[in-house]
Protein backbone atom coordinates (compact mmCIF):
# COMPACT_ATOMS: atom_id res chain seq x y z
CA MET A 1 -46.02 34.30 28.03
CA LYS A 2 -45.94 30.43 28.69
CA THR A 3 -45.02 30.07 24.91
CA LYS A 4 -41.70 32.21 25.43
CA LYS A 5 -41.31 29.83 28.57
CA ARG A 6 -41.94 26.41 26.63
CA LEU A 7 -39.51 28.11 24.56
CA SER A 8 -36.80 28.82 26.52
CA LEU A 9 -36.83 25.00 27.84
CA LEU A 10 -36.91 23.63 24.44
CA LEU A 11 -33.58 25.97 23.60
CA ALA A 12 -31.90 24.98 26.99
CA ALA A 13 -32.98 21.02 26.93
CA ALA A 14 -31.67 21.87 22.75
CA LEU A 15 -28.12 22.84 24.24
CA THR A 16 -27.71 20.17 26.65
CA MET A 17 -27.94 17.71 24.27
CA THR A 18 -25.81 19.47 21.51
CA THR A 19 -22.95 19.95 25.14
CA ALA A 20 -23.42 16.35 25.62
CA LEU A 21 -23.59 15.32 21.67
CA THR A 22 -19.83 17.35 21.80
CA GLY A 23 -18.00 16.14 24.61
CA CYS A 24 -18.62 12.66 22.81
CA GLY A 25 -17.87 13.29 19.43
CA GLY A 26 -21.12 13.19 18.45
CA SER A 27 -19.74 15.75 15.44
CA GLN A 28 -18.39 12.92 13.11
CA GLN A 29 -21.07 10.97 10.90
CA THR A 30 -21.19 7.31 11.88
CA THR A 31 -23.30 4.70 10.36
CA SER A 32 -22.32 2.44 13.46
CA SER A 33 -24.93 1.12 15.69
CA ALA A 34 -22.01 0.35 18.73
CA ALA A 35 -22.18 1.45 21.98
CA PRO A 36 -20.43 4.57 22.59
CA ALA A 37 -16.27 3.50 24.39
CA PRO A 38 -15.82 3.77 28.03
CA ALA A 39 -14.83 7.45 29.27
CA SER A 40 -11.22 5.43 29.81
CA SER A 41 -10.47 4.05 26.35
CA THR A 42 -8.69 7.49 25.31
CA PRO A 43 -7.13 7.79 22.06
CA ALA A 44 -3.82 8.01 23.27
CA ALA A 45 -4.14 5.02 25.62
CA SER A 46 -5.00 2.52 22.37
CA GLY A 47 -3.83 -0.67 23.38
CA ALA A 48 -2.15 0.53 26.35
CA ALA A 49 -3.93 -1.57 28.39
CA GLY A 50 -3.15 -5.01 26.66
CA PHE A 51 -6.58 -7.34 25.93
CA SER A 52 -7.54 -11.15 26.03
CA ALA A 53 -4.83 -13.10 24.41
CA ASP A 54 -7.62 -14.27 21.95
CA ALA A 55 -9.25 -11.07 21.59
CA THR A 56 -10.54 -10.41 18.26
CA ILE A 57 -8.15 -9.16 15.16
CA GLY A 58 -9.66 -7.49 12.22
CA VAL A 59 -7.50 -7.33 9.24
CA ALA A 60 -8.66 -5.48 6.05
CA LEU A 61 -7.04 -5.77 2.69
CA PRO A 62 -8.30 -4.61 -0.47
CA TRP A 63 -8.36 -6.80 -2.82
CA LEU A 64 -6.57 -10.32 -3.79
CA GLY A 65 -5.99 -9.11 -7.45
CA THR A 66 -2.28 -9.66 -6.79
CA GLN A 67 0.38 -12.50 -4.98
CA ASN A 68 1.30 -10.18 -2.75
CA TRP A 69 -2.09 -9.34 -1.86
CA LYS A 70 -2.97 -13.76 -1.66
CA GLU A 71 -0.20 -14.20 0.23
CA ALA A 72 -1.02 -11.71 2.71
CA ASP A 73 -4.59 -12.68 3.32
CA GLU A 74 -2.97 -16.67 3.85
CA MET A 75 -0.66 -15.81 6.02
CA PHE A 76 -2.79 -12.95 8.70
CA ARG A 77 -5.54 -16.15 8.67
CA ALA A 78 -2.87 -18.61 9.70
CA GLN A 79 -0.49 -16.36 11.94
CA LEU A 80 -3.06 -14.67 13.83
CA GLU A 81 -4.61 -18.03 14.62
CA ALA A 82 -1.71 -19.87 15.68
CA ALA A 83 -1.33 -16.63 18.03
CA GLY A 84 -4.32 -17.33 19.76
CA PHE A 85 -6.62 -14.58 18.21
CA LYS A 86 -9.65 -14.78 16.87
CA ALA A 87 -8.99 -13.89 13.06
CA ILE A 88 -11.70 -11.52 11.04
CA VAL A 89 -9.29 -10.87 7.72
CA GLN A 90 -11.61 -9.58 4.85
CA HIS A 91 -10.75 -7.57 1.32
CA ALA A 92 -12.78 -5.59 -0.18
CA ASP A 93 -12.48 -6.21 -4.15
CA ASN A 94 -10.38 -2.81 -4.49
CA LYS A 95 -14.10 -0.91 -3.74
CA VAL A 96 -13.49 1.88 -0.90
CA PRO A 97 -16.93 1.41 0.34
CA GLN A 98 -16.94 -2.16 0.80
CA GLN A 99 -13.82 -1.47 2.66
CA GLN A 100 -15.68 1.07 5.06
CA GLN A 101 -18.51 -1.42 5.79
CA GLN A 102 -15.95 -4.48 6.84
CA ILE A 103 -14.40 -2.14 8.96
CA GLU A 104 -17.79 -0.87 10.53
CA SER A 105 -18.30 -4.35 11.00
CA MET A 106 -14.57 -4.99 12.73
CA ILE A 107 -15.47 -2.19 15.34
CA GLN A 108 -18.96 -4.26 16.16
CA ASN A 109 -17.84 -7.47 16.74
CA GLY A 110 -15.42 -6.22 19.34
CA ALA A 111 -11.85 -6.06 17.20
CA LYS A 112 -9.29 -4.81 19.33
CA VAL A 113 -6.85 -4.51 16.75
CA ILE A 114 -7.44 -3.30 13.14
CA VAL A 115 -5.07 -3.74 10.29
CA VAL A 116 -5.53 -1.58 7.21
CA GLY A 117 -4.36 -2.24 3.97
CA PRO A 118 -6.23 1.10 2.52
CA VAL A 119 -7.97 0.50 -0.58
CA ASP A 120 -7.37 4.60 -1.06
CA GLY A 121 -5.67 5.90 1.79
CA SER A 122 -7.59 9.01 2.04
CA GLN A 123 -11.06 8.00 2.32
CA LEU A 124 -11.37 5.82 5.10
CA GLY A 125 -10.75 9.07 7.93
CA ALA A 126 -14.16 8.87 9.16
CA VAL A 127 -14.02 5.16 10.46
CA LEU A 128 -11.16 4.94 11.56
CA GLU A 129 -11.52 7.96 13.53
CA GLU A 130 -14.82 5.63 14.87
CA ALA A 131 -12.65 2.79 15.91
CA LYS A 132 -10.49 5.06 17.66
CA ALA A 133 -12.99 6.79 19.52
CA ALA A 134 -13.39 3.08 20.57
CA GLY A 135 -9.68 2.40 21.73
CA ILE A 136 -9.11 0.03 18.52
CA SER A 137 -6.07 0.19 17.82
CA VAL A 138 -5.03 0.74 14.19
CA ILE A 139 -2.22 -0.22 11.71
CA GLY A 140 -1.90 0.53 8.54
CA TYR A 141 -0.47 -2.43 6.19
CA ASP A 142 2.05 -1.56 3.26
CA ARG A 143 0.05 1.34 2.54
CA LEU A 144 -0.54 4.57 4.40
CA ILE A 145 -3.32 5.73 5.77
CA GLU A 146 -4.19 9.74 4.92
CA ASN A 147 -5.72 12.50 6.18
CA THR A 148 -6.50 10.94 9.91
CA THR A 149 -5.35 10.91 13.20
CA GLY A 150 -7.42 7.17 13.40
CA ILE A 151 -4.01 5.65 12.94
CA ASP A 152 -1.41 4.33 15.63
CA GLY A 153 1.26 3.25 13.06
CA VAL A 154 2.29 1.71 9.39
CA VAL A 155 4.20 -1.27 9.00
CA GLN A 156 5.86 -0.98 5.04
CA PHE A 157 8.66 -1.42 3.07
CA GLY A 158 10.36 2.31 2.17
CA SER A 159 8.32 3.41 -0.33
CA ILE A 160 10.95 6.07 -1.84
CA LYS A 161 13.45 3.75 -0.78
CA THR A 162 11.77 1.35 -3.49
CA GLY A 163 11.50 3.76 -5.84
CA GLU A 164 14.98 4.43 -5.88
CA LEU A 165 15.95 0.91 -6.38
CA GLN A 166 13.53 0.11 -9.65
CA GLY A 167 14.97 3.80 -11.43
CA GLN A 168 18.63 2.74 -10.38
CA ALA A 169 18.08 -1.06 -11.57
CA LEU A 170 16.76 0.50 -14.55
CA LEU A 171 20.06 2.32 -15.31
CA ASP A 172 21.98 -0.78 -14.91
CA GLY A 173 19.64 -2.82 -17.21
CA LEU A 174 20.45 -0.67 -19.73
CA ALA A 175 24.11 -0.43 -19.11
CA ALA A 176 24.47 -4.62 -19.48
CA GLN A 177 21.73 -5.33 -22.27
CA LYS A 178 21.49 -2.31 -24.30
CA GLY A 179 24.80 -0.87 -25.34
CA LYS A 180 25.88 2.39 -25.02
CA GLY A 181 23.43 5.00 -24.58
CA PRO A 182 21.65 6.99 -25.34
CA TYR A 183 18.36 4.95 -24.68
CA ASN A 184 14.79 5.33 -25.22
CA ILE A 185 12.71 5.01 -22.37
CA GLU A 186 8.58 5.35 -21.07
CA LEU A 187 7.69 5.71 -17.40
CA PHE A 188 5.05 4.27 -16.09
CA GLY A 189 2.91 4.87 -12.06
CA GLY A 190 0.87 2.67 -10.44
CA GLY A 191 -2.72 3.76 -9.30
CA PRO A 192 -3.18 7.13 -7.78
CA ALA A 193 -5.39 6.11 -5.08
CA ASP A 194 -2.35 4.20 -3.75
CA PRO A 195 -0.34 6.76 -1.35
CA ASN A 196 2.58 4.17 -2.45
CA ALA A 197 2.30 5.30 -5.66
CA PRO A 198 3.66 8.08 -6.39
CA ASN A 199 5.91 8.11 -4.04
CA PHE A 200 7.46 5.15 -6.26
CA PHE A 201 7.96 7.74 -8.56
CA LYS A 202 9.25 9.87 -6.78
CA GLY A 203 11.92 7.79 -6.28
CA ALA A 204 12.70 6.43 -8.79
CA MET A 205 12.75 10.06 -10.50
CA LYS A 206 15.33 11.23 -8.45
CA VAL A 207 17.75 8.38 -10.23
CA LEU A 208 16.27 8.91 -13.60
CA GLN A 209 15.65 12.68 -13.91
CA PRO A 210 19.43 14.01 -13.90
CA LYS A 211 19.99 11.36 -16.57
CA ILE A 212 16.96 12.22 -18.07
CA ASP A 213 18.58 15.80 -18.33
CA ASP A 214 21.84 15.23 -19.35
CA GLY A 215 20.62 13.28 -22.14
CA THR A 216 21.80 10.02 -21.02
CA LEU A 217 17.80 9.43 -21.25
CA VAL A 218 15.21 9.94 -23.78
CA VAL A 219 10.97 9.76 -22.70
CA VAL A 220 10.31 9.98 -26.18
CA SER A 221 6.92 10.50 -25.75
CA GLY A 222 7.51 13.24 -23.22
CA GLN A 223 5.53 11.72 -20.43
CA THR A 224 7.00 12.58 -17.53
CA ASP A 225 4.64 14.10 -14.96
CA PHE A 226 3.01 10.63 -12.52
CA THR A 227 -0.39 11.85 -13.61
CA GLN A 228 0.40 11.13 -17.24
CA CYS A 229 2.12 7.93 -16.25
CA ALA A 230 0.03 6.54 -13.17
CA THR A 231 -2.25 2.96 -14.13
CA MET A 232 -5.85 3.64 -12.69
CA ASP A 233 -6.00 0.48 -10.49
CA TRP A 234 -2.78 -1.10 -11.10
CA ASP A 235 -4.80 -2.14 -13.86
CA ASN A 236 -2.17 -4.42 -16.15
CA SER A 237 -5.22 -4.25 -19.37
CA LYS A 238 -5.18 -0.20 -18.86
CA ALA A 239 -1.21 -0.43 -18.47
CA GLN A 240 -1.15 -2.57 -21.56
CA SER A 241 -3.42 -0.63 -23.94
CA ARG A 242 -0.87 2.80 -23.06
CA MET A 243 2.21 1.04 -23.97
CA ASP A 244 -0.26 -0.25 -27.29
CA SER A 245 -0.69 3.77 -27.30
CA LEU A 246 3.49 4.69 -26.66
CA LEU A 247 4.48 2.36 -29.37
CA SER A 248 2.07 3.16 -32.34
CA GLY A 249 2.48 6.82 -31.54
CA PHE A 250 5.73 7.26 -30.44
CA TYR A 251 8.66 3.95 -32.18
CA SER A 252 6.67 3.25 -35.42
CA ASN A 253 10.46 3.54 -36.39
CA LYS A 254 12.30 3.92 -33.16
CA GLU A 255 13.58 0.64 -30.72
CA ILE A 256 11.97 1.13 -27.43
CA ASP A 257 15.18 0.04 -25.11
CA GLY A 258 13.96 0.45 -21.26
CA VAL A 259 10.63 1.18 -19.80
CA LEU A 260 9.82 2.14 -16.16
CA SER A 261 7.02 -0.36 -14.27
CA PRO A 262 5.56 0.50 -10.90
CA ASN A 263 4.95 -3.62 -10.12
CA ASP A 264 5.08 -6.51 -12.24
CA GLY A 265 1.30 -7.45 -13.20
CA ILE A 266 2.47 -3.98 -15.28
CA ALA A 267 5.98 -5.07 -15.79
CA ARG A 268 4.66 -8.40 -17.62
CA ALA A 269 1.77 -6.08 -19.85
CA ILE A 270 4.31 -4.02 -20.83
CA ILE A 271 6.78 -7.03 -22.17
CA THR A 272 3.55 -8.57 -24.03
CA ALA A 273 2.78 -5.21 -25.51
CA SER A 274 6.27 -4.73 -26.60
CA GLU A 275 6.48 -8.31 -28.32
CA GLN A 276 3.02 -7.91 -30.27
CA ALA A 277 4.08 -4.80 -31.58
CA GLY A 278 7.24 -6.70 -33.12
CA GLN A 279 9.84 -4.45 -30.94
CA LYS A 280 13.07 -5.85 -28.75
CA ILE A 281 12.18 -7.05 -25.42
CA PRO A 282 12.78 -3.75 -23.63
CA VAL A 283 14.41 -3.52 -20.69
CA VAL A 284 11.85 -3.33 -17.67
CA SER A 285 11.61 -2.94 -14.06
CA GLY A 286 9.06 -4.38 -11.36
CA LEU A 287 8.22 -4.90 -8.11
CA ASP A 288 6.09 -7.94 -5.45
CA ALA A 289 8.44 -10.49 -6.74
CA GLU A 290 5.85 -12.71 -8.23
CA ASN A 291 6.31 -15.54 -9.20
CA GLU A 292 4.97 -15.54 -12.88
CA SER A 293 7.76 -12.26 -13.33
CA VAL A 294 10.45 -14.66 -10.73
CA GLU A 295 10.50 -16.97 -13.93
CA TRP A 296 10.37 -14.05 -16.48
CA ILE A 297 13.49 -12.85 -15.03
CA TRP A 298 15.02 -16.26 -14.68
CA SER A 299 14.65 -15.91 -18.32
CA GLY A 300 15.85 -13.02 -19.31
CA LYS A 301 12.18 -11.79 -20.27
CA GLN A 302 11.88 -8.89 -17.49
CA TYR A 303 15.15 -7.15 -15.85
CA SER A 304 14.05 -6.86 -12.53
CA THR A 305 11.60 -6.53 -9.56
CA VAL A 306 11.90 -5.44 -5.99
CA ALA A 307 11.10 -8.05 -3.50
CA LYS A 308 9.09 -7.33 -0.15
CA PRO A 309 8.69 -10.03 1.14
CA THR A 310 5.32 -10.71 2.39
CA ASP A 311 6.42 -13.20 5.43
CA VAL A 312 8.15 -10.10 6.69
CA LEU A 313 5.85 -7.37 6.63
CA VAL A 314 2.93 -9.90 7.73
CA GLY A 315 5.18 -11.49 10.82
CA LYS A 316 6.21 -7.82 11.88
CA THR A 317 2.74 -6.25 12.06
CA ILE A 318 1.86 -9.37 14.77
CA GLU A 319 4.92 -8.47 16.00
CA ILE A 320 3.11 -4.83 16.66
CA ILE A 321 -0.35 -6.53 17.96
CA LYS A 322 1.24 -9.10 20.33
CA SER A 323 3.18 -5.85 22.09
CA LEU A 324 -0.29 -3.92 21.89
CA GLN A 325 -2.09 -6.99 23.35
CA ALA A 326 0.92 -7.65 26.41
CA GLY A 327 -0.35 -3.75 26.86
CA LYS A 328 3.28 -2.54 26.13
CA GLY A 329 1.87 -0.30 23.46
CA MET A 330 3.05 0.49 20.01
CA PRO A 331 6.93 -0.33 19.67
CA ALA A 332 9.27 2.71 18.75
CA PRO A 333 8.86 3.32 15.11
CA ASP A 334 11.73 3.83 13.12
CA SER A 335 10.42 6.80 11.34
CA THR A 336 7.54 8.89 11.31
CA VAL A 337 5.32 10.67 8.19
CA ASN A 338 3.16 12.89 7.77
CA ASN A 339 -0.43 11.53 6.96
CA GLY A 340 -1.68 15.40 7.00
CA LYS A 341 -3.68 15.28 9.90
CA LYS A 342 -0.43 13.81 12.20
CA ASP A 343 2.78 12.56 12.54
CA VAL A 344 2.41 8.39 11.88
CA GLY A 345 4.98 6.22 13.13
CA VAL A 346 6.36 4.21 10.78
CA TYR A 347 7.88 0.52 11.13
CA GLU A 348 9.83 0.57 7.66
CA LEU A 349 11.64 -2.75 5.80
CA ALA A 350 14.06 -2.94 3.33
CA PRO A 351 13.70 -4.30 0.07
CA ILE A 352 15.76 -5.72 -2.55
CA VAL A 353 16.40 -5.67 -6.06
CA VAL A 354 16.07 -9.09 -8.16
CA THR A 355 18.03 -10.16 -11.28
CA LYS A 356 19.06 -13.02 -12.49
CA GLU A 357 22.31 -12.62 -11.16
CA ASN A 358 21.32 -12.60 -7.49
CA ALA A 359 17.55 -14.57 -7.54
CA LYS A 360 18.67 -18.20 -5.89
CA GLU A 361 20.50 -15.97 -3.03
CA VAL A 362 17.27 -13.27 -2.31
CA PHE A 363 15.50 -16.67 -2.56
CA ALA A 364 17.65 -19.16 -0.38
CA LYS A 365 15.34 -19.12 1.62
CA ASP A 366 12.10 -19.24 -0.15
CA PRO A 367 11.39 -22.66 -1.56
CA GLY A 368 8.65 -21.93 -3.39
CA ARG A 369 10.20 -19.00 -5.72
CA LEU A 370 13.89 -20.95 -5.30
CA ALA A 371 12.16 -24.24 -7.08
CA LEU A 372 10.68 -21.67 -9.72
CA LEU A 373 14.73 -21.11 -10.71
CA LYS A 374 15.79 -24.17 -13.19
């Protein structure tokens, strides 16, 4: 009987503990040693009460491997500090575990807002839900964060629209530089872990697929699915290797007229491979208005890029942070997108195509890039 009574007491204690853990969100596995958020810090009220004007703000960037991410690193540090905040700005060298650990550290260091440009938009759910449970506002930067409720909004340039601009620029460049079609082309996509990459490709194909269907464009390799065209990790060397293989395998006796490129680094790799293969330089699209590509556009080597000014993206993000600090909550978004777990507010900015013809106009207020046009 004593044994049965002891067992009953143990079961009752276990049930009480389980109930308590469930009430505190204890079913989520985390490695945090931070104290649990107070009961008043509910996800719905994230940032609604405001916070100190000198609060800590975390910024988790994926890497510094392209010019736009380097600019973001510099601008967030300077502009957050100028606004009076304590800034923790880190990059994860394109490694998901490293970014998870960095966000965990920002939570433990008392960040009131964490801005996240994800390495992989589908791999941060647990740590961001931990942040949300602690009353921290989470803002996606440039890339959507998927399959988690732990995000309050995302600031980005329209990814489908960006792809549409890239596709149309390719068509315009072919008409301007390659005479009458049909045109031989190939298609490149970005890194599949980046949720923007398939959207860029999808947007471009909305423009290009009708021209493929009517024979104006001929994808000689037949590789037209994103999975066939994606470039792992946005790696320029991998893109150049694929371009080498395409040219040797399908263009030994053909001229390639154009290539859809998802960004400027890959565009330059495509052009380099074409030159090394003895091809005339094809019409190539791009993205990010990197300095070297701006120079190549001005000299005629690269046809176009799409500008997504980093200062505008960072500025909009800091505007939202200031709204949260003042207790006004998240501003009304321009649209919403479902990330697999919730409808996320999108603060959408407008990208713009840059060619030699409009470069001076586009960069009129960008002294650094304007100086390259000579």
